[in-house]
Protein backbone atom coordinates (compact mmCIF):
# COMPACT_ATOMS: atom_id res chain seq x y z
CA MET A 1 4.95 6.37 -17.58
CA LEU A 2 7.33 5.23 -14.82
CA THR A 3 5.98 1.67 -15.05
CA SER A 4 6.74 1.55 -18.78
CA ILE A 5 10.23 2.92 -18.21
CA ILE A 6 11.18 0.42 -15.51
CA SER A 7 9.59 -2.51 -17.36
CA PHE A 8 11.63 -1.67 -20.45
CA GLY A 9 14.77 -1.23 -18.35
CA VAL A 10 14.42 -4.56 -16.56
CA ILE A 11 13.71 -6.53 -19.74
CA MET A 12 16.66 -4.82 -21.47
CA ALA A 13 18.98 -5.63 -18.55
CA PHE A 14 18.00 -9.30 -18.41
CA ALA A 15 18.36 -9.61 -22.20
CA LEU A 16 21.87 -8.17 -21.91
CA VAL A 17 22.70 -10.59 -19.07
CA ILE A 18 21.69 -13.53 -21.28
CA PHE A 19 23.63 -12.14 -24.26
CA CYS A 20 26.83 -11.46 -22.32
CA THR A 21 26.74 -14.81 -20.54
CA ILE A 22 26.28 -16.79 -23.77
CA LYS A 23 28.72 -14.79 -25.89
CA TRP A 24 31.52 -14.54 -23.31
CA TRP A 25 30.73 -17.65 -21.24
CA ASN A 26 34.35 -18.61 -20.57
CA LEU A 27 35.96 -15.17 -20.53
CA THR A 28 38.31 -14.63 -17.57
CA LEU A 29 37.50 -11.45 -15.61
CA THR A 30 40.09 -9.78 -13.41
CA GLY A 31 39.82 -6.40 -11.73
CA THR A 32 42.54 -3.90 -10.93
CA GLN A 33 42.70 -4.99 -7.27
CA PRO A 34 41.77 -8.70 -7.31
CA VAL A 35 40.88 -10.40 -4.02
CA SER A 36 39.78 -13.87 -2.96
CA LEU A 37 36.24 -14.99 -3.74
CA PHE A 38 35.20 -14.73 -0.07
CA VAL A 39 36.44 -11.14 0.25
CA PHE A 40 34.89 -10.25 -3.12
CA ILE A 41 31.48 -11.59 -2.07
CA ALA A 42 31.78 -9.78 1.28
CA ILE A 43 32.55 -6.49 -0.48
CA LEU A 44 29.73 -7.06 -2.96
CA PHE A 45 27.20 -8.03 -0.29
CA THR A 46 27.87 -5.17 2.08
CA SER A 47 28.35 -2.54 -0.63
CA GLY A 48 25.43 -3.71 -2.75
CA LEU A 49 22.90 -3.67 0.07
CA ASP A 50 21.93 -0.95 2.47
CA VAL A 51 20.02 -0.32 5.66
CA GLY A 52 16.69 -1.18 4.03
CA LEU A 53 17.67 -4.84 4.29
CA ILE A 54 17.65 -4.54 8.08
CA MET A 55 14.84 -2.08 8.60
CA PHE A 56 12.21 -2.80 5.94
CA PRO A 57 10.96 -6.38 6.48
CA LEU A 58 9.41 -6.17 9.95
CA ALA A 59 8.71 -2.45 9.95
CA PHE A 60 6.81 -2.34 6.69
CA ASP A 61 7.16 -5.14 4.13
CA TYR A 62 5.66 -8.24 5.78
CA PRO A 63 2.50 -6.47 7.01
CA LEU A 64 2.07 -4.92 3.56
CA TYR A 65 2.49 -8.19 1.66
CA ALA A 66 0.17 -10.05 4.04
CA ASP A 67 -2.67 -7.58 3.49
CA VAL A 68 -3.92 -9.02 0.20
CA ALA A 69 -7.34 -7.45 0.75
CA THR A 70 -5.71 -4.03 0.26
CA GLU A 71 -3.23 -5.18 -2.39
CA PRO A 72 -4.53 -8.28 -4.24
CA ALA A 73 -1.44 -8.34 -6.50
CA TYR A 74 0.49 -9.97 -3.65
CA GLY A 75 -1.96 -12.82 -3.27
CA PHE A 76 -0.20 -15.29 -5.58
CA THR A 77 2.42 -16.22 -2.95
CA ASN A 78 3.46 -15.65 0.66
CA PRO A 79 5.17 -12.54 2.17
CA LEU A 80 8.53 -14.30 2.62
CA ALA A 81 8.70 -15.28 -1.05
CA LEU A 82 7.81 -11.71 -2.01
CA GLU A 83 10.48 -10.23 0.25
CA PHE A 84 13.10 -12.62 -1.12
CA GLY A 85 12.02 -11.79 -4.66
CA PHE A 86 12.39 -8.07 -4.04
CA TRP A 87 15.92 -8.51 -2.63
CA GLY A 88 17.41 -11.82 -3.75
CA PHE A 89 18.60 -14.08 -6.54
CA LEU A 90 17.51 -12.86 -10.01
CA ILE A 91 17.70 -9.18 -9.11
CA TRP A 92 21.47 -9.55 -8.51
CA ALA A 93 21.84 -10.11 -12.24
CA PHE A 94 21.84 -6.30 -12.51
CA TYR A 95 25.08 -6.24 -10.55
CA PHE A 96 26.51 -9.06 -12.66
CA LEU A 97 25.84 -7.06 -15.82
CA THR A 98 27.56 -3.90 -14.61
CA THR A 99 30.45 -5.77 -12.95
CA PHE A 100 31.05 -7.66 -16.19
CA TYR A 101 30.88 -4.41 -18.14
CA PHE A 102 33.45 -2.59 -16.00
CA CYS A 103 35.79 -5.59 -16.00
CA ALA A 104 35.66 -6.49 -19.69
CA ILE A 105 34.14 -3.70 -21.77
CA GLU A 106 34.68 -0.29 -20.17
CA PRO A 107 38.52 -0.54 -20.38
CA ARG A 108 38.07 -0.80 -24.16
CA VAL A 109 35.30 1.70 -24.89
CA LYS A 110 35.86 4.20 -22.02
CA PHE A 111 32.28 5.43 -22.16
CA PHE A 112 32.34 6.55 -18.53
CA GLU A 113 35.40 8.68 -19.17
CA ILE A 114 33.42 10.99 -21.47
CA PRO A 115 33.23 14.23 -19.42
CA ALA A 116 29.44 14.64 -19.54
CA VAL A 117 28.89 10.96 -18.72
CA LYS A 118 31.40 11.11 -15.88
CA ILE A 119 29.61 14.09 -14.33
CA LEU A 120 26.17 12.50 -14.69
CA ASN A 121 27.40 9.18 -13.28
CA ASN A 122 28.83 10.86 -10.22
CA ILE A 123 25.64 12.84 -9.65
CA VAL A 124 23.83 9.49 -9.63
CA ILE A 125 26.34 8.06 -7.14
CA ILE A 126 26.12 11.04 -4.79
CA THR A 127 22.31 11.24 -4.81
CA THR A 128 21.88 7.50 -4.33
CA CYS A 129 24.35 7.63 -1.47
CA ALA A 130 22.20 10.30 0.16
CA PHE A 131 19.08 8.16 -0.39
CA THR A 132 20.69 5.47 1.77
CA GLY A 133 21.13 8.04 4.54
CA ALA A 134 17.51 9.15 4.19
CA LEU A 135 16.22 5.59 4.61
CA PHE A 136 18.32 5.20 7.71
CA LEU A 137 17.03 8.47 9.13
CA ILE A 138 13.37 7.75 8.34
CA TYR A 139 13.33 4.27 9.87
CA MET A 140 15.58 4.92 12.86
CA PRO A 141 12.73 5.97 15.20
CA TYR A 142 10.99 2.62 14.65
CA TYR A 143 14.04 0.62 15.65
CA ILE A 144 15.12 2.81 18.54
CA ALA A 145 11.63 3.19 19.92
CA GLU A 146 13.13 3.58 23.39
CA VAL A 147 14.26 7.02 22.20
CA GLY A 148 11.17 9.12 21.45
CA ASP A 149 7.71 7.91 20.42
CA GLY A 150 8.79 5.43 17.73
CA GLU A 151 7.56 7.67 14.90
CA THR A 152 8.99 11.18 15.17
CA ILE A 153 12.49 11.97 13.89
CA LEU A 154 14.06 13.73 16.87
CA PRO A 155 17.18 15.96 16.77
CA VAL A 156 19.27 13.11 18.20
CA PHE A 157 18.48 10.99 15.12
CA TYR A 158 19.75 13.74 12.83
CA LEU A 159 22.93 13.84 14.91
CA ILE A 160 23.37 10.05 14.69
CA CYS A 161 22.83 10.17 10.92
CA PHE A 162 25.42 12.92 10.48
CA LEU A 163 27.97 11.09 12.66
CA VAL A 164 27.47 7.90 10.63
CA ILE A 165 28.14 9.80 7.40
CA LEU A 166 31.16 11.46 9.03
CA VAL A 167 32.65 8.09 10.03
CA ALA A 168 32.06 6.73 6.53
CA ALA A 169 33.75 9.76 4.98
CA PHE A 170 36.77 9.16 7.20
CA SER A 171 36.92 5.42 6.45
CA SER A 172 36.87 6.21 2.72
CA THR A 173 40.22 7.98 3.04
CA ASP A 174 42.15 4.69 2.90
CA ILE A 175 41.43 1.66 0.68
CA LYS A 176 42.57 -0.73 3.43
CA PHE A 177 39.36 0.02 5.36
CA VAL A 178 37.04 -1.39 2.68
CA LYS A 179 38.21 -5.01 3.00
CA VAL A 180 38.20 -4.95 6.79
CA LEU A 181 34.83 -3.20 6.92
CA SER A 182 33.22 -5.53 4.37
CA VAL A 183 34.40 -8.77 5.95
CA SER A 184 33.57 -7.61 9.48
CA SER A 185 30.12 -6.42 8.33
CA THR A 186 29.40 -9.81 6.77
CA VAL A 187 30.47 -11.63 9.94
CA LEU A 188 28.40 -9.21 12.04
CA PHE A 189 25.36 -9.81 9.85
CA PHE A 190 25.60 -13.58 10.30
CA GLY A 191 25.99 -12.93 14.02
CA LEU A 192 22.78 -10.89 13.97
CA ILE A 193 20.93 -13.72 12.20
CA LEU A 194 22.11 -16.18 14.87
CA PHE A 195 21.15 -13.79 17.70
CA MET A 196 17.66 -13.20 16.29
CA PHE A 197 17.26 -16.97 15.75
CA LEU A 198 18.12 -17.72 19.38
CA ASN A 199 16.13 -14.76 20.73
CA ALA A 200 12.99 -16.09 19.04
CA GLY A 201 13.50 -19.55 20.53
CA MET A 202 13.58 -21.06 17.07
CA SER A 203 14.71 -24.59 16.31
CA VAL A 204 16.41 -25.80 13.15
CA GLY A 205 13.07 -27.37 12.23
CA ASP A 206 11.33 -24.01 12.65
CA LEU A 207 13.90 -22.39 10.37
CA ALA A 208 13.55 -25.12 7.75
CA SER A 209 9.75 -24.92 7.87
CA THR A 210 9.70 -21.14 7.63
CA SER A 211 12.35 -20.88 4.92
CA SER A 212 10.49 -23.39 2.75
CA ASN A 213 8.14 -20.51 1.95
CA ILE A 214 10.90 -19.08 -0.26
CA GLY A 215 9.94 -21.77 -2.76
CA GLY A 216 6.98 -19.57 -3.62
CA TYR A 217 9.46 -17.19 -5.26
CA PHE A 218 11.11 -19.78 -7.50
CA THR A 219 7.78 -21.22 -8.68
CA ASN A 220 6.64 -17.69 -9.58
CA ILE A 221 9.97 -16.16 -10.58
CA HIS A 222 8.62 -14.88 -13.91
CA LYS A 223 6.13 -12.65 -12.07
CA PHE A 224 8.95 -10.61 -10.49
CA ILE A 225 10.44 -9.38 -13.76
CA ILE A 226 8.11 -6.43 -14.30
CA PRO A 227 6.45 -4.41 -11.52
CA LEU A 228 3.74 -6.13 -9.51
CA THR A 229 2.74 -2.90 -7.75
CA ASP A 230 3.96 0.66 -7.27
CA TYR A 231 6.01 -0.55 -4.32
CA HIS A 232 7.71 -3.26 -6.41
CA GLU A 233 8.32 -0.59 -9.03
CA PHE A 234 10.04 1.52 -6.37
CA TYR A 235 12.31 -1.44 -5.52
CA LEU A 236 13.24 -2.01 -9.16
CA PHE A 237 14.12 1.66 -9.66
CA TRP A 238 16.17 1.42 -6.47
CA TRP A 239 18.16 -1.54 -7.84
CA PHE A 240 18.75 0.26 -11.11
CA ALA A 241 19.94 3.38 -9.30
CA TRP A 242 22.57 1.27 -7.51
CA SER A 243 23.56 -0.95 -10.42
CA ILE A 244 26.12 1.10 -12.33
CA MET A 245 28.00 2.39 -9.31
CA ILE A 246 28.12 -1.00 -7.57
CA GLY A 247 29.43 -2.64 -10.74
CA GLN A 248 31.99 0.13 -11.12
CA PHE A 249 33.16 -0.29 -7.53
CA VAL A 250 33.22 -4.07 -7.07
CA SER A 251 34.61 -4.85 -10.53
CA ARG A 252 38.05 -3.78 -9.34
CA PHE A 253 38.05 -6.66 -6.83
CA VAL A 254 37.15 -9.51 -9.22
CA GLY A 255 39.84 -12.16 -8.94
CA GLY A 256 39.99 -14.17 -12.17
CA LEU A 257 36.44 -15.52 -12.36
CA LYS A 258 34.97 -16.79 -15.61
CA THR A 259 31.84 -15.00 -16.81
CA TYR A 260 29.55 -17.88 -15.86
CA GLN A 261 31.26 -18.18 -12.46
CA LEU A 262 30.70 -14.48 -11.78
CA LEU A 263 27.02 -14.82 -12.67
CA ALA A 264 26.59 -17.88 -10.45
CA ALA A 265 28.46 -16.23 -7.58
CA LEU A 266 26.30 -13.11 -7.71
CA LEU A 267 23.01 -14.98 -7.94
CA ILE A 268 23.71 -17.63 -5.31
CA PHE A 269 26.11 -16.42 -2.61
CA PRO A 270 24.30 -13.20 -1.55
CA SER A 271 20.96 -15.04 -1.65
CA ILE A 272 21.98 -17.47 1.11
CA PRO A 273 22.32 -14.93 3.96
CA LEU A 274 19.34 -13.01 2.59
CA GLY A 275 17.20 -16.14 2.68
CA LEU A 276 18.28 -16.92 6.25
CA TRP A 277 17.69 -13.37 7.45
CA PHE A 278 14.26 -12.99 5.88
CA SER A 279 13.21 -16.43 7.13
CA VAL A 280 14.12 -15.61 10.73
CA LEU A 281 12.28 -12.28 10.53
CA TYR A 282 9.28 -13.96 8.93
CA TYR A 283 9.12 -16.28 11.95
CA TYR A 284 8.93 -13.14 14.13
CA HIS A 285 6.13 -11.80 11.93
CA LEU A 286 4.12 -15.03 11.88
CA ASN A 287 4.34 -15.55 15.62
CA GLY A 288 3.91 -11.93 16.69
CA ILE A 289 7.28 -11.86 18.46
CA GLY A 290 8.31 -8.37 19.55
CA THR A 291 11.76 -6.92 19.00
CA ALA A 292 11.76 -4.19 21.65
CA GLY A 293 14.96 -3.73 23.58
CA LEU A 294 18.13 -5.62 22.68
CA PRO A 295 16.92 -7.04 19.30
CA ASN A 296 16.06 -3.56 18.05
CA TRP A 297 19.39 -2.20 19.23
CA ALA A 298 21.23 -5.12 17.61
CA MET A 299 19.47 -4.48 14.28
CA THR A 300 20.16 -0.77 14.55
CA ILE A 301 23.87 -1.33 15.17
CA VAL A 302 24.18 -3.69 12.20
CA GLY A 303 22.13 -1.24 10.14
CA ILE A 304 24.58 1.53 11.07
CA VAL A 305 27.51 -0.65 9.99
CA PHE A 306 25.78 -1.33 6.67
CA VAL A 307 25.18 2.38 6.13
CA ILE A 308 28.83 3.15 6.89
CA ASN A 309 29.88 0.43 4.46
CA SER A 310 27.64 1.69 1.67
CA PHE A 311 28.67 5.31 2.18
CA ASP A 312 32.35 4.32 2.38
CA SER A 313 32.33 2.53 -0.99
CA LEU A 314 30.26 5.18 -2.77
CA ILE A 315 32.23 8.14 -1.38
CA ARG A 316 35.43 6.41 -2.42
CA LEU A 317 34.01 5.84 -5.90
CA TYR A 318 32.87 9.37 -6.72
CA THR A 319 35.90 11.04 -5.11
CA ASP A 320 38.20 8.80 -7.17
CA ASN A 321 36.21 9.52 -10.32
CA LEU A 322 36.30 13.28 -9.76
CA ASN A 323 39.83 13.37 -8.31
CA LEU A 324 38.50 14.84 -5.05
CA THR A 325 41.20 13.12 -3.06
CA THR A 326 42.79 13.63 0.33
CA GLU A 327 46.07 14.32 -1.47
CA ARG A 328 44.50 17.37 -3.11
CA PHE A 329 42.42 18.71 -0.24
CA GLY A 330 43.77 17.18 2.96
CA VAL A 331 42.01 14.69 5.21
CA VAL A 332 40.05 17.19 7.31
CA SER A 333 38.65 19.15 4.36
CA TYR A 334 37.89 15.94 2.47
CA VAL A 335 36.02 14.33 5.37
CA PHE A 336 33.93 17.33 6.38
CA ALA A 337 33.11 18.44 2.82
CA ASN A 338 31.80 14.98 1.96
CA ALA A 339 29.94 14.57 5.26
CA ILE A 340 28.22 17.96 5.13
CA GLY A 341 27.32 17.70 1.44
CA LEU A 342 25.85 14.20 1.77
CA PHE A 343 23.96 15.11 4.92
CA VAL A 344 22.27 18.03 3.14
CA LEU A 345 21.29 15.71 0.27
CA THR A 346 20.03 13.17 2.81
CA LEU A 347 17.67 15.81 4.19
CA LEU A 348 16.42 16.54 0.68
CA PHE A 349 15.56 12.87 0.13
CA GLN A 350 14.00 12.65 3.59
CA SER A 351 11.73 15.58 2.70
CA GLN A 352 10.75 13.84 -0.61
CA TRP A 353 12.24 16.70 -2.62
CA LEU A 354 14.33 14.08 -4.42
CA GLN A 355 13.06 10.62 -5.38
CA ILE A 356 14.95 7.44 -6.22
CA GLN A 357 12.66 6.79 -9.21
CA TRP A 358 14.18 9.82 -10.94
CA VAL A 359 17.68 8.51 -10.36
CA GLY A 360 16.73 5.05 -11.65
CA THR A 361 15.28 6.62 -14.81
CA VAL A 362 18.55 8.45 -15.43
CA VAL A 363 20.46 5.17 -15.02
CA ILE A 364 18.25 3.40 -17.58
CA GLY A 365 19.02 6.27 -19.96
CA MET A 366 22.74 5.73 -19.29
CA TYR A 367 22.37 2.03 -20.15
CA LEU A 368 20.86 2.99 -23.51
CA ALA A 369 23.51 5.63 -24.19
CA ALA A 370 26.31 3.16 -23.38
CA LEU A 371 24.78 0.56 -25.73
CA ALA A 372 24.48 3.11 -28.53
CA TYR A 373 28.07 4.27 -27.97
CA MET A 374 29.42 0.71 -28.06
CA PHE A 375 27.44 -0.23 -31.15
CA PHE A 376 27.86 2.89 -33.28
CA VAL A 377 31.22 4.29 -32.13
CA LYS A 378 33.38 1.62 -30.46
CA ARG A 379 32.08 -1.61 -31.92
CA HIS A 380 35.48 -2.48 -33.45
CA ARG A 381 37.09 -2.46 -30.01
CA LEU A 382 34.95 -5.38 -28.89
CA SER A 383 35.52 -7.57 -31.93
CA ASP A 384 38.38 -9.54 -30.36
CA LEU A 385 37.41 -9.30 -26.70
CA ASP A 386 39.42 -11.97 -24.91
CA GLY A 387 39.81 -10.62 -21.37
CA GLN A 388 43.28 -9.25 -22.01
CA ALA A 389 44.38 -5.72 -22.90
CA ALA A 390 42.07 -3.51 -24.88
CA PRO A 391 42.89 -2.69 -28.52
CA LEU A 392 44.95 0.43 -28.99
CA ASN A 393 42.54 2.02 -31.46
């Protein structure tokens, strides 16, 4: 059942990407708080990814993809190509679709201002935010193996997780933090790639040789559209769960890009650091290079910054949507209410009481409802879409 749902959702999303790109190819898109392309990509990259980017590849993904005896479905290409396919290039078209929608279409149809839709959308945002915290909590023992046995979640990890959420709640109190946090996170991530490259004793030739494995993704790109395995299915649901809220958040920062430029920017620019990062980690995997000590701490620190960034943007989004602002409740009440609430939800995800597949299914339903609303109720408001003001009626 879940496989059919996600397969339908992915095909629908890609069909909509093709339709929107062809129909509004040259439409100028501008958000409410436009920024430069570099800052926009930094905000998109750090908000649209979470701690799984740092913690999944070495801890779980590469060994899983390499074991084709257990999972033959991965045998058509190499683990690096699979990892890139799960995280990079075509999958970012989801974010293009929702960013385009919130720039060009939502101001006209106002589907997400319908009270029931607004409530449901913010439930999705809050629960997905907590899922990010749960991933961080679950994988922290592996990366800080010096603390504990490398497997058990100790009380100190719960404390670290809560403090991270608390910092993110505080940083969400002022919009000025998002640009600084996003740009600094991007720079820090490139710094981590360079550190891991040097720590492994890699040469430029080693990097080029290793990264050439990514070609296995592009020659098999059609195989990544529908789920390869249950684990790929999990990833696709995860991307869907994020898609609406990331589009809603980053659309405000679009600075006058044409539709085709936005699509190209989202497919290409985030894929470059992802390709470099996964290639360096794949070199570690292939050569059995350990990451104990400073490398693990470096990845953990960058992972923490990514978690703060993701929480910051998502907290800001749902509190703005629901008018749960510091002006209404004060900074202290705002910060602690968000931190405590999200930490409780994080524990629910960590205990498997909540699952991201459920959230992704709800989001696919919201896609369908939005399409129906646009077609049957607000179709006339899109008839002269030109990137300017929405029609008055």
